[in-house]
C-alpha atoms as a PDB file:
ATOM      1  CA  MET A   1       8.467  16.306 -30.365  1.00  0.00           C
ATOM      2  CA  ARG A   2       9.747  16.146 -27.038  1.00  0.00           C
ATOM      3  CA  HIS A   3      13.190  14.786 -25.853  1.00  0.00           C
ATOM      4  CA  ALA A   4      15.171  14.757 -23.040  1.00  0.00           C
ATOM      5  CA  LYS A   5      11.847  17.172 -20.998  1.00  0.00           C
ATOM      6  CA  ALA A   6      10.830  14.603 -18.337  1.00  0.00           C
ATOM      7  CA  PHE A   7       8.750  16.779 -16.105  1.00  0.00           C
ATOM      8  CA  ARG A   8       5.348  18.450 -16.285  1.00  0.00           C
ATOM      9  CA  LYS A   9       4.819  21.556 -16.952  1.00  0.00           C
ATOM     10  CA  PHE A  10       1.211  22.520 -15.094  1.00  0.00           C
ATOM     11  CA  SER A  11       0.732  25.356 -17.594  1.00  0.00           C
ATOM     12  CA  ARG A  12       2.417  27.388 -15.424  1.00  0.00           C
ATOM     13  CA  THR A  13       4.923  29.304 -15.617  1.00  0.00           C
ATOM     14  CA  PRO A  14       8.684  28.148 -13.891  1.00  0.00           C
ATOM     15  CA  SER A  15       8.445  30.382 -11.293  1.00  0.00           C
ATOM     16  CA  HIS A  16       4.355  29.968 -11.160  1.00  0.00           C
ATOM     17  CA  ARG A  17       5.040  25.874 -10.984  1.00  0.00           C
ATOM     18  CA  LYS A  18       8.403  26.228  -7.828  1.00  0.00           C
ATOM     19  CA  ALA A  19       6.052  28.668  -5.792  1.00  0.00           C
ATOM     20  CA  MET A  20       2.950  25.367  -6.160  1.00  0.00           C
ATOM     21  CA  PHE A  21       5.273  22.852  -5.126  1.00  0.00           C
ATOM     22  CA  ARG A  22       6.710  24.922  -2.203  1.00  0.00           C
ATOM     23  CA  ASN A  23       3.047  25.063  -0.831  1.00  0.00           C
ATOM     24  CA  LEU A  24       2.090  21.803  -1.492  1.00  0.00           C
ATOM     25  CA  ALA A  25       5.292  20.692  -0.102  1.00  0.00           C
ATOM     26  CA  SER A  26       4.441  23.036   3.381  1.00  0.00           C
ATOM     27  CA  SER A  27       1.203  21.633   3.845  1.00  0.00           C
ATOM     28  CA  LEU A  28       2.296  17.764   3.265  1.00  0.00           C
ATOM     29  CA  PHE A  29       5.348  18.432   5.419  1.00  0.00           C
ATOM     30  CA  LYS A  30       2.312  20.661   8.166  1.00  0.00           C
ATOM     31  CA  HIS A  31      -0.633  17.846   7.426  1.00  0.00           C
ATOM     32  CA  GLU A  32       1.200  15.363   6.846  1.00  0.00           C
ATOM     33  CA  ARG A  33      -1.243  14.904   4.501  1.00  0.00           C
ATOM     34  CA  ILE A  34      -2.592  16.368   1.602  1.00  0.00           C
ATOM     35  CA  GLU A  35      -5.453  15.607  -1.596  1.00  0.00           C
ATOM     36  CA  THR A  36      -4.311  16.898  -4.745  1.00  0.00           C
ATOM     37  CA  THR A  37      -4.072  15.978  -8.320  1.00  0.00           C
ATOM     38  CA  VAL A  38      -2.397  12.693  -9.008  1.00  0.00           C
ATOM     39  CA  ALA A  39       0.298  14.477 -11.833  1.00  0.00           C
ATOM     40  CA  LYS A  40       0.789  17.054  -8.864  1.00  0.00           C
ATOM     41  CA  ALA A  41       1.282  14.367  -6.357  1.00  0.00           C
ATOM     42  CA  LYS A  42       3.568  12.232  -8.465  1.00  0.00           C
ATOM     43  CA  ASP A  43       5.828  15.120  -9.310  1.00  0.00           C
ATOM     44  CA  LEU A  44       5.162  16.510  -5.272  1.00  0.00           C
ATOM     45  CA  ARG A  45       6.906  13.407  -4.321  1.00  0.00           C
ATOM     46  CA  ARG A  46       9.776  13.696  -5.484  1.00  0.00           C
ATOM     47  CA  VAL A  47       9.988  17.474  -3.985  1.00  0.00           C
ATOM     48  CA  SER A  48       9.512  16.670  -0.708  1.00  0.00           C
ATOM     49  CA  GLU A  49      11.225  13.074  -0.800  1.00  0.00           C
ATOM     50  CA  LYS A  50      14.252  14.856  -1.048  1.00  0.00           C
ATOM     51  CA  LEU A  51      13.550  17.420   1.395  1.00  0.00           C
ATOM     52  CA  ILE A  52      13.603  15.119   4.003  1.00  0.00           C
ATOM     53  CA  THR A  53      16.274  13.636   2.441  1.00  0.00           C
ATOM     54  CA  LEU A  54      17.944  17.527   3.465  1.00  0.00           C
ATOM     55  CA  ALA A  55      16.977  17.053   6.699  1.00  0.00           C
ATOM     56  CA  GLN A  56      17.319  13.479   8.543  1.00  0.00           C
ATOM     57  CA  GLU A  57      21.104  15.779   9.641  1.00  0.00           C
ATOM     58  CA  ASP A  58      20.288  18.695  11.258  1.00  0.00           C
ATOM     59  CA  THR A  59      22.748  20.880  10.625  1.00  0.00           C
ATOM     60  CA  LEU A  60      23.131  24.538   9.971  1.00  0.00           C
ATOM     61  CA  HIS A  61      23.211  24.607   6.223  1.00  0.00           C
ATOM     62  CA  ARG A  62      21.099  21.512   5.525  1.00  0.00           C
ATOM     63  CA  ARG A  63      18.345  23.570   7.291  1.00  0.00           C
ATOM     64  CA  ARG A  64      19.502  26.992   5.911  1.00  0.00           C
ATOM     65  CA  GLN A  65      18.713  25.140   2.333  1.00  0.00           C
ATOM     66  CA  ALA A  66      15.469  24.482   3.437  1.00  0.00           C
ATOM     67  CA  TYR A  67      14.339  27.842   3.830  1.00  0.00           C
ATOM     68  CA  ALA A  68      15.396  28.272   1.253  1.00  0.00           C
ATOM     69  CA  TYR A  69      12.671  26.534   0.079  1.00  0.00           C
ATOM     70  CA  LEU A  70       9.633  25.911   2.463  1.00  0.00           C
ATOM     71  CA  PRO A  71       8.532  29.614   3.150  1.00  0.00           C
ATOM     72  CA  GLU A  72       7.562  28.602   6.489  1.00  0.00           C
ATOM     73  CA  LYS A  73       9.643  28.372   9.917  1.00  0.00           C
ATOM     74  CA  GLN A  74       7.689  26.249  11.816  1.00  0.00           C
ATOM     75  CA  VAL A  75       7.342  23.417   8.782  1.00  0.00           C
ATOM     76  CA  VAL A  76      11.160  23.310   8.282  1.00  0.00           C
ATOM     77  CA  HIS A  77      11.307  22.866  12.272  1.00  0.00           C
ATOM     78  CA  LYS A  78       8.687  20.119  12.331  1.00  0.00           C
ATOM     79  CA  LEU A  79      10.911  18.733   9.126  1.00  0.00           C
ATOM     80  CA  PHE A  80      14.042  18.940  11.488  1.00  0.00           C
ATOM     81  CA  VAL A  81      12.958  18.012  14.766  1.00  0.00           C
ATOM     82  CA  GLU A  82       9.671  14.952  13.476  1.00  0.00           C
ATOM     83  CA  ILE A  83       9.493  13.649  10.260  1.00  0.00           C
ATOM     84  CA  ALA A  84      13.070  13.538   9.492  1.00  0.00           C
ATOM     85  CA  PRO A  85      14.383  11.403  12.788  1.00  0.00           C
ATOM     86  CA  LYS A  86      11.573   9.010  12.009  1.00  0.00           C
ATOM     87  CA  PHE A  87      13.068   8.242   8.506  1.00  0.00           C
ATOM     88  CA  LYS A  88      16.044   7.557   9.782  1.00  0.00           C
ATOM     89  CA  GLU A  89      16.911   4.366   9.072  1.00  0.00           C
ATOM     90  CA  ARG A  90      14.691   4.038   6.019  1.00  0.00           C
ATOM     91  CA  PRO A  91      15.973   3.916   2.254  1.00  0.00           C
ATOM     92  CA  GLY A  92      14.096   6.319   0.322  1.00  0.00           C
ATOM     93  CA  GLY A  93       9.340   5.449  -0.198  1.00  0.00           C
ATOM     94  CA  TYR A  94       9.189   8.071   2.863  1.00  0.00           C
ATOM     95  CA  THR A  95       5.853   9.020   0.680  1.00  0.00           C
ATOM     96  CA  ARG A  96       2.572   7.470  -0.551  1.00  0.00           C
ATOM     97  CA  VAL A  97      -0.068   7.911  -3.771  1.00  0.00           C
ATOM     98  CA  LEU A  98      -3.561   6.341  -2.898  1.00  0.00           C
ATOM     99  CA  ARG A  99      -6.160   7.764  -5.096  1.00  0.00           C
ATOM    100  CA  THR A 100      -9.453   8.414  -4.482  1.00  0.00           C
ATOM    101  CA  GLY A 101     -10.897   9.042  -7.317  1.00  0.00           C
ATOM    102  CA  ARG A 102     -12.175  11.485 -10.069  1.00  0.00           C
ATOM    103  CA  ARG A 103     -12.395  15.624  -8.554  1.00  0.00           C
ATOM    104  CA  ALA A 104     -17.100  16.357  -9.416  1.00  0.00           C
ATOM    105  CA  GLY A 105     -16.370  19.442 -10.983  1.00  0.00           C
ATOM    106  CA  ASP A 106     -13.744  18.586 -13.867  1.00  0.00           C
ATOM    107  CA  ALA A 107     -12.892  14.744 -13.144  1.00  0.00           C
ATOM    108  CA  ALA A 108      -9.766  15.297 -12.879  1.00  0.00           C
ATOM    109  CA  GLU A 109      -7.995  12.614 -10.741  1.00  0.00           C
ATOM    110  CA  MET A 110      -7.297  12.763  -7.172  1.00  0.00           C
ATOM    111  CA  ALA A 111      -5.173  11.593  -4.668  1.00  0.00           C
ATOM    112  CA  ILE A 112      -3.603  11.837  -1.151  1.00  0.00           C
ATOM    113  CA  ILE A 113      -0.023  12.339  -1.147  1.00  0.00           C
ATOM    114  CA  GLU A 114       0.578  11.514   3.011  1.00  0.00           C
ATOM    115  CA  LEU A 115       4.031  10.157   4.821  1.00  0.00           C
ATOM    116  CA  VAL A 116       4.269   6.573   5.730  1.00  0.00           C
ATOM    117  CA  GLN A 117       3.591   6.342   8.978  1.00  0.00           C
ATOM    118  CA  ASP A 118       4.557   2.649   9.649  1.00  0.00           C
ATOM    119  CA  GLU A 119       8.284   0.951  10.744  1.00  0.00           C
ATOM    120  CA  TYR A 120      10.919   0.592   8.397  1.00  0.00           C
ATOM    121  CA  ARG A 121      12.209  -2.826   8.578  1.00  0.00           C
ATOM    122  CA  PRO A 122      15.434  -3.336   6.196  1.00  0.00           C
ATOM    123  CA  LYS A 123      14.757  -6.515   4.816  1.00  0.00           C
ATOM    124  CA  GLU A 124      16.626  -9.633   5.351  1.00  0.00           C
ATOM    125  CA  LYS A 125      19.402 -10.835   3.026  1.00  0.00           C
ATOM    126  CA  LYS A 126      18.664 -14.530   1.259  1.00  0.00           C
ATOM    127  CA  LYS A 127      21.382 -16.773   1.563  1.00  0.00           C
ATOM    128  CA  ARG A 128      22.586 -18.822  -1.860  1.00  0.00           C
ATOM    129  CA  LYS A 129      23.216 -22.635  -1.528  1.00  0.00           C
ATOM    130  CA  LYS A 130      25.779 -23.207  -3.674  1.00  0.00           C
ATOM    131  CA  SER A 131      25.343 -25.717  -6.247  1.00  0.00           C
ATOM    132  CA  ALA A 132      26.953 -28.629  -4.769  1.00  0.00           C
ATOM    133  CA  GLU A 133      25.282 -28.081  -1.977  1.00  0.00           C
ATOM    134  CA  LYS A 134      22.190 -28.589  -3.951  1.00  0.00           C
ATOM    135  CA  VAL A 135      23.289 -31.445  -5.603  1.00  0.00           C
ATOM    136  CA  ALA A 136      24.091 -33.806  -2.720  1.00  0.00           C
ATOM    137  CA  GLU A 137      20.981 -32.061  -0.881  1.00  0.00           C
ATOM    138  CA  SER A 138      18.570 -33.796  -4.301  1.00  0.00           C
ATOM    139  CA  SER A 139      20.463 -36.904  -3.771  1.00  0.00           C
ATOM    140  CA  ALA A 140      20.414 -37.698   0.094  1.00  0.00           C
ATOM    141  CA  PRO A 141      16.999 -38.455  -0.400  1.00  0.00           C
ATOM    142  CA  ALA A 142      16.559 -40.672  -3.621  1.00  0.00           C
ATOM    143  CA  GLU A 143      19.492 -42.760  -1.100  1.00  0.00           C
ATOM    144  CA  ALA A 144      17.222 -42.952   2.141  1.00  0.00           C
ATOM    145  CA  GLN A 145      14.486 -43.878  -0.076  1.00  0.00           C
ATOM    146  CA  GLY A 146      16.381 -46.315  -1.720  1.00  0.00           C
ATOM    147  CA  GLU A 147      16.867 -48.369   0.949  1.00  0.00           C
END
């Protein structure tokens, strides 16, 4: 039984898996859109969203943390200067996974993972009416109809 074993292994060693996600995240930030399998895209979403959240505050410590994970210096610079400021007001959900079909060779489900480009607009909270106001409102039209 696989209780409390949350993540996919992809038939790779831990070091190979880490290297794969480092390279996928680097490619995603470089090109802002990549095509991969659905399973890899879903797991890459976890990694990339944490890195974008890390980059929202541009400090030396956070840059060093990003350099420790991402292999390319230019990608880290782009992450901190171009990508993270776009998502400053957004409380998560920086990536989108779009399924594209099946790969010709092995029929693996393919997907495009991309950075969300549309403008974030926070939802307005609905004001709830108190039950006394509801009762008053519902009885008012009934009285008007009776007259």
